[in-house]
Amino acid sequence: NPRAPGVGQADIFEQVDLKDREKLRERAAFHARNGGLDGVFTAGTDFSASVAYVAESLGLPGIPYETALNATDKSRMRRLFRENGVPSPDFRSYTERNIREVTLPAWTYPVVVKPVDNMGARGVEKVMSPEELRSRAEKALSFSRSGAVIVEEFIPGPEFSLDALVYRGKVHICGIADRHIFFPPYFVELGHTMPTRAGAEVAG
């Protein structure tokens, strides 16, 4: 947004869609050639895959692009969890090609429908019956940049956000926050509490 409040605070401002990875790479390469570029990062967004793509393309520090995709595409993430024995909700993936089959599995309701690659809970909804499922899945599909959704079993309970760093193969947990979710059947986070108020069985 060329009128964003932060534009005037930037040393250099580039108007680029954060989803346009090729344009980001092009502009980053330009700055690398003209003055130097030591790194790329994002804060407060879900565009880590864009950052990883630029970093990998230009030989800058960062996680592999494939790893970033695995961490942000919900279908890839759930599949890898399943293949590696990590506890995770049961799920199935759908695209426009097979979205009509979304009601065929014998789901135990409620279920949750999600675009595989959006953020801020856009298009995420709890579905209470098979009669609702197809229309909600098609709605979620409209929020997906890649044209894919997942349907997964609903697991009741509190939600947490977790901040962590992986260093030399070891996960270091930096903080756990209680997420405050409102407006069911949607999942809109209106705030969080950090550190968590949960007991040692969660935070320990």
C-alpha atoms as a PDB file:
ATOM      1  CA  ASN A   1       0.000   0.000   0.000  1.00  0.00           C
ATOM      2  CA  PRO A   2       1.772   3.184  -1.144  1.00  0.00           C
ATOM      3  CA  ARG A   3      -0.253   5.165   1.424  1.00  0.00           C
ATOM      4  CA  ALA A   4       0.557   2.934   4.409  1.00  0.00           C
ATOM      5  CA  PRO A   5       1.775   4.820   7.515  1.00  0.00           C
ATOM      6  CA  GLY A   6       5.130   3.016   7.479  1.00  0.00           C
ATOM      7  CA  VAL A   7       6.085   4.139   3.980  1.00  0.00           C
ATOM      8  CA  GLY A   8       7.577   7.368   5.270  1.00  0.00           C
ATOM      9  CA  GLN A   9       9.676   5.492   7.814  1.00  0.00           C
ATOM     10  CA  ALA A  10      11.297   3.187   5.267  1.00  0.00           C
ATOM     11  CA  ASP A  11      14.704   3.974   3.807  1.00  0.00           C
ATOM     12  CA  ILE A  12      13.539   2.340   0.575  1.00  0.00           C
ATOM     13  CA  PHE A  13       9.944   1.397  -0.213  1.00  0.00           C
ATOM     14  CA  GLU A  14       8.928  -1.183  -2.822  1.00  0.00           C
ATOM     15  CA  GLN A  15       5.301  -1.713  -3.798  1.00  0.00           C
ATOM     16  CA  VAL A  16       5.168  -5.492  -4.268  1.00  0.00           C
ATOM     17  CA  ASP A  17       2.450  -8.042  -3.533  1.00  0.00           C
ATOM     18  CA  LEU A  18       3.842 -10.367  -0.861  1.00  0.00           C
ATOM     19  CA  LYS A  19       2.336 -13.314  -2.770  1.00  0.00           C
ATOM     20  CA  ASP A  20       4.339 -12.415  -5.906  1.00  0.00           C
ATOM     21  CA  ARG A  21       7.498 -14.389  -5.145  1.00  0.00           C
ATOM     22  CA  GLU A  22       9.143 -13.714  -8.510  1.00  0.00           C
ATOM     23  CA  LYS A  23       8.702  -9.961  -8.150  1.00  0.00           C
ATOM     24  CA  LEU A  24      10.035 -10.110  -4.590  1.00  0.00           C
ATOM     25  CA  ARG A  25      13.055 -12.055  -5.808  1.00  0.00           C
ATOM     26  CA  GLU A  26      13.597  -9.585  -8.629  1.00  0.00           C
ATOM     27  CA  ARG A  27      13.528  -6.546  -6.336  1.00  0.00           C
ATOM     28  CA  ALA A  28      15.698  -8.250  -3.723  1.00  0.00           C
ATOM     29  CA  ALA A  29      18.230  -9.153  -6.394  1.00  0.00           C
ATOM     30  CA  PHE A  30      18.252  -5.531  -7.554  1.00  0.00           C
ATOM     31  CA  HIS A  31      19.074  -4.304  -4.043  1.00  0.00           C
ATOM     32  CA  ALA A  32      21.678  -7.038  -3.611  1.00  0.00           C
ATOM     33  CA  ARG A  33      23.440  -5.686  -6.706  1.00  0.00           C
ATOM     34  CA  ASN A  34      23.004  -2.035  -5.730  1.00  0.00           C
ATOM     35  CA  GLY A  35      24.158  -1.465  -2.203  1.00  0.00           C
ATOM     36  CA  GLY A  36      24.045  -4.935  -0.727  1.00  0.00           C
ATOM     37  CA  LEU A  37      21.445  -7.133   0.936  1.00  0.00           C
ATOM     38  CA  ASP A  38      22.281  -9.171   4.032  1.00  0.00           C
ATOM     39  CA  GLY A  39      18.956 -10.854   4.665  1.00  0.00           C
ATOM     40  CA  VAL A  40      15.194 -10.920   4.205  1.00  0.00           C
ATOM     41  CA  PHE A  41      12.522 -11.515   6.829  1.00  0.00           C
ATOM     42  CA  THR A  42       8.878 -10.951   7.665  1.00  0.00           C
ATOM     43  CA  ALA A  43       7.162 -10.095  10.924  1.00  0.00           C
ATOM     44  CA  GLY A  44       3.479 -10.403  11.729  1.00  0.00           C
ATOM     45  CA  THR A  45       2.557 -12.120   8.456  1.00  0.00           C
ATOM     46  CA  ASP A  46       2.216 -15.654   7.130  1.00  0.00           C
ATOM     47  CA  PHE A  47       4.511 -15.080   4.157  1.00  0.00           C
ATOM     48  CA  SER A  48       7.456 -17.111   5.399  1.00  0.00           C
ATOM     49  CA  ALA A  49       7.368 -19.114   2.150  1.00  0.00           C
ATOM     50  CA  SER A  50       7.911 -15.903   0.163  1.00  0.00           C
ATOM     51  CA  VAL A  51      10.831 -14.995   2.400  1.00  0.00           C
ATOM     52  CA  ALA A  52      12.344 -18.471   2.103  1.00  0.00           C
ATOM     53  CA  TYR A  53      11.989 -18.366  -1.683  1.00  0.00           C
ATOM     54  CA  VAL A  54      13.892 -15.075  -1.910  1.00  0.00           C
ATOM     55  CA  ALA A  55      16.557 -16.150   0.585  1.00  0.00           C
ATOM     56  CA  GLU A  56      17.163 -19.475  -1.164  1.00  0.00           C
ATOM     57  CA  SER A  57      17.232 -17.866  -4.618  1.00  0.00           C
ATOM     58  CA  LEU A  58      19.824 -15.286  -3.556  1.00  0.00           C
ATOM     59  CA  GLY A  59      21.912 -17.503  -1.278  1.00  0.00           C
ATOM     60  CA  LEU A  60      20.925 -15.592   1.866  1.00  0.00           C
ATOM     61  CA  PRO A  61      20.479 -17.082   5.349  1.00  0.00           C
ATOM     62  CA  GLY A  62      17.114 -18.736   5.843  1.00  0.00           C
ATOM     63  CA  ILE A  63      15.154 -21.952   5.911  1.00  0.00           C
ATOM     64  CA  PRO A  64      14.747 -23.991   2.695  1.00  0.00           C
ATOM     65  CA  TYR A  65      11.791 -23.003   0.532  1.00  0.00           C
ATOM     66  CA  GLU A  66      10.456 -26.557   0.695  1.00  0.00           C
ATOM     67  CA  THR A  67      10.498 -26.422   4.492  1.00  0.00           C
ATOM     68  CA  ALA A  68       8.577 -23.142   4.472  1.00  0.00           C
ATOM     69  CA  LEU A  69       5.930 -24.657   2.195  1.00  0.00           C
ATOM     70  CA  ASN A  70       5.621 -27.659   4.483  1.00  0.00           C
ATOM     71  CA  ALA A  71       5.082 -25.337   7.445  1.00  0.00           C
ATOM     72  CA  THR A  72       2.482 -23.091   5.795  1.00  0.00           C
ATOM     73  CA  ASP A  73       0.460 -25.320   3.441  1.00  0.00           C
ATOM     74  CA  LYS A  74      -1.963 -27.111   5.772  1.00  0.00           C
ATOM     75  CA  SER A  75      -2.404 -30.116   3.502  1.00  0.00           C
ATOM     76  CA  ARG A  76       1.354 -30.691   3.195  1.00  0.00           C
ATOM     77  CA  MET A  77       1.774 -30.140   6.912  1.00  0.00           C
ATOM     78  CA  ARG A  78      -0.912 -32.635   7.920  1.00  0.00           C
ATOM     79  CA  ARG A  79       0.413 -35.212   5.450  1.00  0.00           C
ATOM     80  CA  LEU A  80       3.943 -34.933   6.848  1.00  0.00           C
ATOM     81  CA  PHE A  81       2.598 -35.203  10.390  1.00  0.00           C
ATOM     82  CA  ARG A  82       0.787 -38.389   9.412  1.00  0.00           C
ATOM     83  CA  GLU A  83       3.819 -39.877   7.642  1.00  0.00           C
ATOM     84  CA  ASN A  84       6.099 -39.164  10.607  1.00  0.00           C
ATOM     85  CA  GLY A  85       3.813 -40.274  13.424  1.00  0.00           C
ATOM     86  CA  VAL A  86       3.073 -36.793  14.793  1.00  0.00           C
ATOM     87  CA  PRO A  87      -0.377 -36.631  16.454  1.00  0.00           C
ATOM     88  CA  SER A  88      -2.706 -34.611  14.254  1.00  0.00           C
ATOM     89  CA  PRO A  89      -6.400 -34.456  13.316  1.00  0.00           C
ATOM     90  CA  ASP A  90      -7.653 -36.804  10.628  1.00  0.00           C
ATOM     91  CA  PHE A  91      -8.059 -34.875   7.364  1.00  0.00           C
ATOM     92  CA  ARG A  92      -8.681 -35.019   3.642  1.00  0.00           C
ATOM     93  CA  SER A  93      -7.724 -32.527   0.937  1.00  0.00           C
ATOM     94  CA  TYR A  94      -9.925 -31.261  -1.898  1.00  0.00           C
ATOM     95  CA  THR A  95      -9.603 -29.038  -4.943  1.00  0.00           C
ATOM     96  CA  GLU A  96     -12.183 -27.713  -7.386  1.00  0.00           C
ATOM     97  CA  ARG A  97     -11.762 -30.968  -9.320  1.00  0.00           C
ATOM     98  CA  ASN A  98     -13.068 -33.194  -6.515  1.00  0.00           C
ATOM     99  CA  ILE A  99     -14.897 -30.794  -4.168  1.00  0.00           C
ATOM    100  CA  ARG A 100     -18.194 -32.563  -4.951  1.00  0.00           C
ATOM    101  CA  GLU A 101     -16.848 -35.619  -3.117  1.00  0.00           C
ATOM    102  CA  VAL A 102     -16.362 -33.737   0.142  1.00  0.00           C
ATOM    103  CA  THR A 103     -19.489 -35.235   1.742  1.00  0.00           C
ATOM    104  CA  LEU A 104     -18.694 -38.836   0.816  1.00  0.00           C
ATOM    105  CA  PRO A 105     -16.441 -39.790   3.766  1.00  0.00           C
ATOM    106  CA  ALA A 106     -18.287 -40.822   6.929  1.00  0.00           C
ATOM    107  CA  TRP A 107     -17.153 -37.789   8.913  1.00  0.00           C
ATOM    108  CA  THR A 108     -17.852 -37.530  12.619  1.00  0.00           C
ATOM    109  CA  TYR A 109     -19.285 -34.049  13.075  1.00  0.00           C
ATOM    110  CA  PRO A 110     -18.409 -31.326  13.747  1.00  0.00           C
ATOM    111  CA  VAL A 111     -15.501 -30.928  11.316  1.00  0.00           C
ATOM    112  CA  VAL A 112     -13.420 -27.899  10.374  1.00  0.00           C
ATOM    113  CA  VAL A 113     -13.023 -26.625   6.813  1.00  0.00           C
ATOM    114  CA  LYS A 114      -9.913 -24.592   5.940  1.00  0.00           C
ATOM    115  CA  PRO A 115      -8.213 -23.141   2.882  1.00  0.00           C
ATOM    116  CA  VAL A 116      -4.771 -24.759   2.815  1.00  0.00           C
ATOM    117  CA  ASP A 117      -2.878 -21.500   2.333  1.00  0.00           C
ATOM    118  CA  ASN A 118      -4.628 -18.479   3.788  1.00  0.00           C
ATOM    119  CA  MET A 119      -4.135 -16.637   7.071  1.00  0.00           C
ATOM    120  CA  GLY A 120      -6.079 -14.830   9.759  1.00  0.00           C
ATOM    121  CA  ALA A 121      -8.688 -17.636   9.830  1.00  0.00           C
ATOM    122  CA  ARG A 122     -10.115 -16.479   6.499  1.00  0.00           C
ATOM    123  CA  GLY A 123     -12.434 -19.153   5.163  1.00  0.00           C
ATOM    124  CA  VAL A 124     -12.063 -21.341   8.272  1.00  0.00           C
ATOM    125  CA  GLU A 125     -15.352 -22.600   9.659  1.00  0.00           C
ATOM    126  CA  LYS A 126     -16.712 -25.302  11.944  1.00  0.00           C
ATOM    127  CA  VAL A 127     -19.330 -27.400  10.156  1.00  0.00           C
ATOM    128  CA  MET A 128     -21.989 -29.208  12.151  1.00  0.00           C
ATOM    129  CA  SER A 129     -23.638 -31.460   9.560  1.00  0.00           C
ATOM    130  CA  PRO A 130     -23.117 -33.094   6.159  1.00  0.00           C
ATOM    131  CA  GLU A 131     -25.873 -30.867   4.752  1.00  0.00           C
ATOM    132  CA  GLU A 132     -23.652 -27.817   5.345  1.00  0.00           C
ATOM    133  CA  LEU A 133     -20.352 -29.304   4.357  1.00  0.00           C
ATOM    134  CA  ARG A 134     -20.270 -28.876   0.582  1.00  0.00           C
ATOM    135  CA  SER A 135     -21.317 -25.213   0.579  1.00  0.00           C
ATOM    136  CA  ARG A 136     -18.838 -24.384   3.362  1.00  0.00           C
ATOM    137  CA  ALA A 137     -16.042 -26.224   1.567  1.00  0.00           C
ATOM    138  CA  GLU A 138     -16.765 -24.364  -1.678  1.00  0.00           C
ATOM    139  CA  LYS A 139     -16.750 -21.093   0.269  1.00  0.00           C
ATOM    140  CA  ALA A 140     -13.380 -21.983   1.819  1.00  0.00           C
ATOM    141  CA  LEU A 141     -12.075 -22.839  -1.649  1.00  0.00           C
ATOM    142  CA  SER A 142     -12.689 -19.240  -2.718  1.00  0.00           C
ATOM    143  CA  PHE A 143     -10.226 -18.085  -0.027  1.00  0.00           C
ATOM    144  CA  SER A 144      -7.393 -20.362  -1.170  1.00  0.00           C
ATOM    145  CA  ARG A 145      -4.635 -18.915  -3.329  1.00  0.00           C
ATOM    146  CA  SER A 146      -3.748 -22.370  -4.675  1.00  0.00           C
ATOM    147  CA  GLY A 147      -7.321 -23.616  -4.995  1.00  0.00           C
ATOM    148  CA  ALA A 148      -7.272 -26.283  -2.283  1.00  0.00           C
ATOM    149  CA  VAL A 149      -8.995 -26.892   1.042  1.00  0.00           C
ATOM    150  CA  ILE A 150      -8.820 -29.441   3.808  1.00  0.00           C
ATOM    151  CA  VAL A 151     -11.545 -30.914   5.946  1.00  0.00           C
ATOM    152  CA  GLU A 152     -10.326 -32.141   9.314  1.00  0.00           C
ATOM    153  CA  GLU A 153     -11.817 -33.549  12.476  1.00  0.00           C
ATOM    154  CA  PHE A 154     -12.670 -30.988  15.147  1.00  0.00           C
ATOM    155  CA  ILE A 155     -10.725 -31.335  18.392  1.00  0.00           C
ATOM    156  CA  PRO A 156     -12.357 -29.393  21.246  1.00  0.00           C
ATOM    157  CA  GLY A 157     -10.223 -27.543  23.757  1.00  0.00           C
ATOM    158  CA  PRO A 158      -8.255 -24.341  24.256  1.00  0.00           C
ATOM    159  CA  GLU A 159      -6.047 -22.944  21.499  1.00  0.00           C
ATOM    160  CA  PHE A 160      -2.450 -21.841  21.932  1.00  0.00           C
ATOM    161  CA  SER A 161       0.132 -20.005  19.889  1.00  0.00           C
ATOM    162  CA  LEU A 162       3.702 -21.150  20.262  1.00  0.00           C
ATOM    163  CA  ASP A 163       6.873 -19.223  19.473  1.00  0.00           C
ATOM    164  CA  ALA A 164       9.976 -21.343  19.009  1.00  0.00           C
ATOM    165  CA  LEU A 165      13.359 -21.439  17.341  1.00  0.00           C
ATOM    166  CA  VAL A 166      15.092 -24.476  15.907  1.00  0.00           C
ATOM    167  CA  TYR A 167      18.841 -24.322  16.399  1.00  0.00           C
ATOM    168  CA  ARG A 168      21.162 -27.150  15.439  1.00  0.00           C
ATOM    169  CA  GLY A 169      18.293 -29.592  15.282  1.00  0.00           C
ATOM    170  CA  LYS A 170      16.846 -28.738  18.687  1.00  0.00           C
ATOM    171  CA  VAL A 171      13.548 -26.921  19.284  1.00  0.00           C
ATOM    172  CA  HIS A 172      13.746 -24.068  21.788  1.00  0.00           C
ATOM    173  CA  ILE A 173      10.294 -22.888  22.967  1.00  0.00           C
ATOM    174  CA  CYS A 174      10.366 -19.134  23.582  1.00  0.00           C
ATOM    175  CA  GLY A 175       6.767 -18.509  24.549  1.00  0.00           C
ATOM    176  CA  ILE A 176       3.264 -19.977  24.760  1.00  0.00           C
ATOM    177  CA  ALA A 177       0.187 -17.764  24.459  1.00  0.00           C
ATOM    178  CA  ASP A 178      -3.490 -18.425  25.124  1.00  0.00           C
ATOM    179  CA  ARG A 179      -5.481 -17.513  22.003  1.00  0.00           C
ATOM    180  CA  HIS A 180      -8.846 -15.794  22.516  1.00  0.00           C
ATOM    181  CA  ILE A 181     -11.168 -17.098  19.792  1.00  0.00           C
ATOM    182  CA  PHE A 182     -14.620 -15.621  19.085  1.00  0.00           C
ATOM    183  CA  PHE A 183     -17.590 -15.643  16.675  1.00  0.00           C
ATOM    184  CA  PRO A 184     -18.344 -19.369  16.201  1.00  0.00           C
ATOM    185  CA  PRO A 185     -18.662 -21.155  13.826  1.00  0.00           C
ATOM    186  CA  TYR A 186     -15.706 -19.007  12.709  1.00  0.00           C
ATOM    187  CA  PHE A 187     -12.336 -18.862  14.455  1.00  0.00           C
ATOM    188  CA  VAL A 188     -11.499 -15.182  14.866  1.00  0.00           C
ATOM    189  CA  GLU A 189      -8.649 -14.399  17.242  1.00  0.00           C
ATOM    190  CA  LEU A 190      -9.238 -11.079  19.024  1.00  0.00           C
ATOM    191  CA  GLY A 191      -6.214 -11.271  21.265  1.00  0.00           C
ATOM    192  CA  HIS A 192      -3.968 -13.505  23.288  1.00  0.00           C
ATOM    193  CA  THR A 193      -2.414 -13.775  26.730  1.00  0.00           C
ATOM    194  CA  MET A 194       1.296 -14.388  27.110  1.00  0.00           C
ATOM    195  CA  PRO A 195       2.614 -16.081  29.093  1.00  0.00           C
ATOM    196  CA  THR A 196      -0.087 -18.720  29.067  1.00  0.00           C
ATOM    197  CA  ARG A 197      -2.332 -19.147  32.086  1.00  0.00           C
ATOM    198  CA  ALA A 198      -2.412 -22.898  31.462  1.00  0.00           C
ATOM    199  CA  GLY A 199      -0.850 -25.218  33.973  1.00  0.00           C
ATOM    200  CA  ALA A 200       2.434 -27.052  33.891  1.00  0.00           C
ATOM    201  CA  GLU A 201       0.930 -29.900  31.848  1.00  0.00           C
ATOM    202  CA  VAL A 202       0.785 -27.452  28.906  1.00  0.00           C
ATOM    203  CA  ALA A 203       3.511 -24.916  29.615  1.00  0.00           C
ATOM    204  CA  GLY A 204       5.969 -27.337  31.215  1.00  0.00           C
END
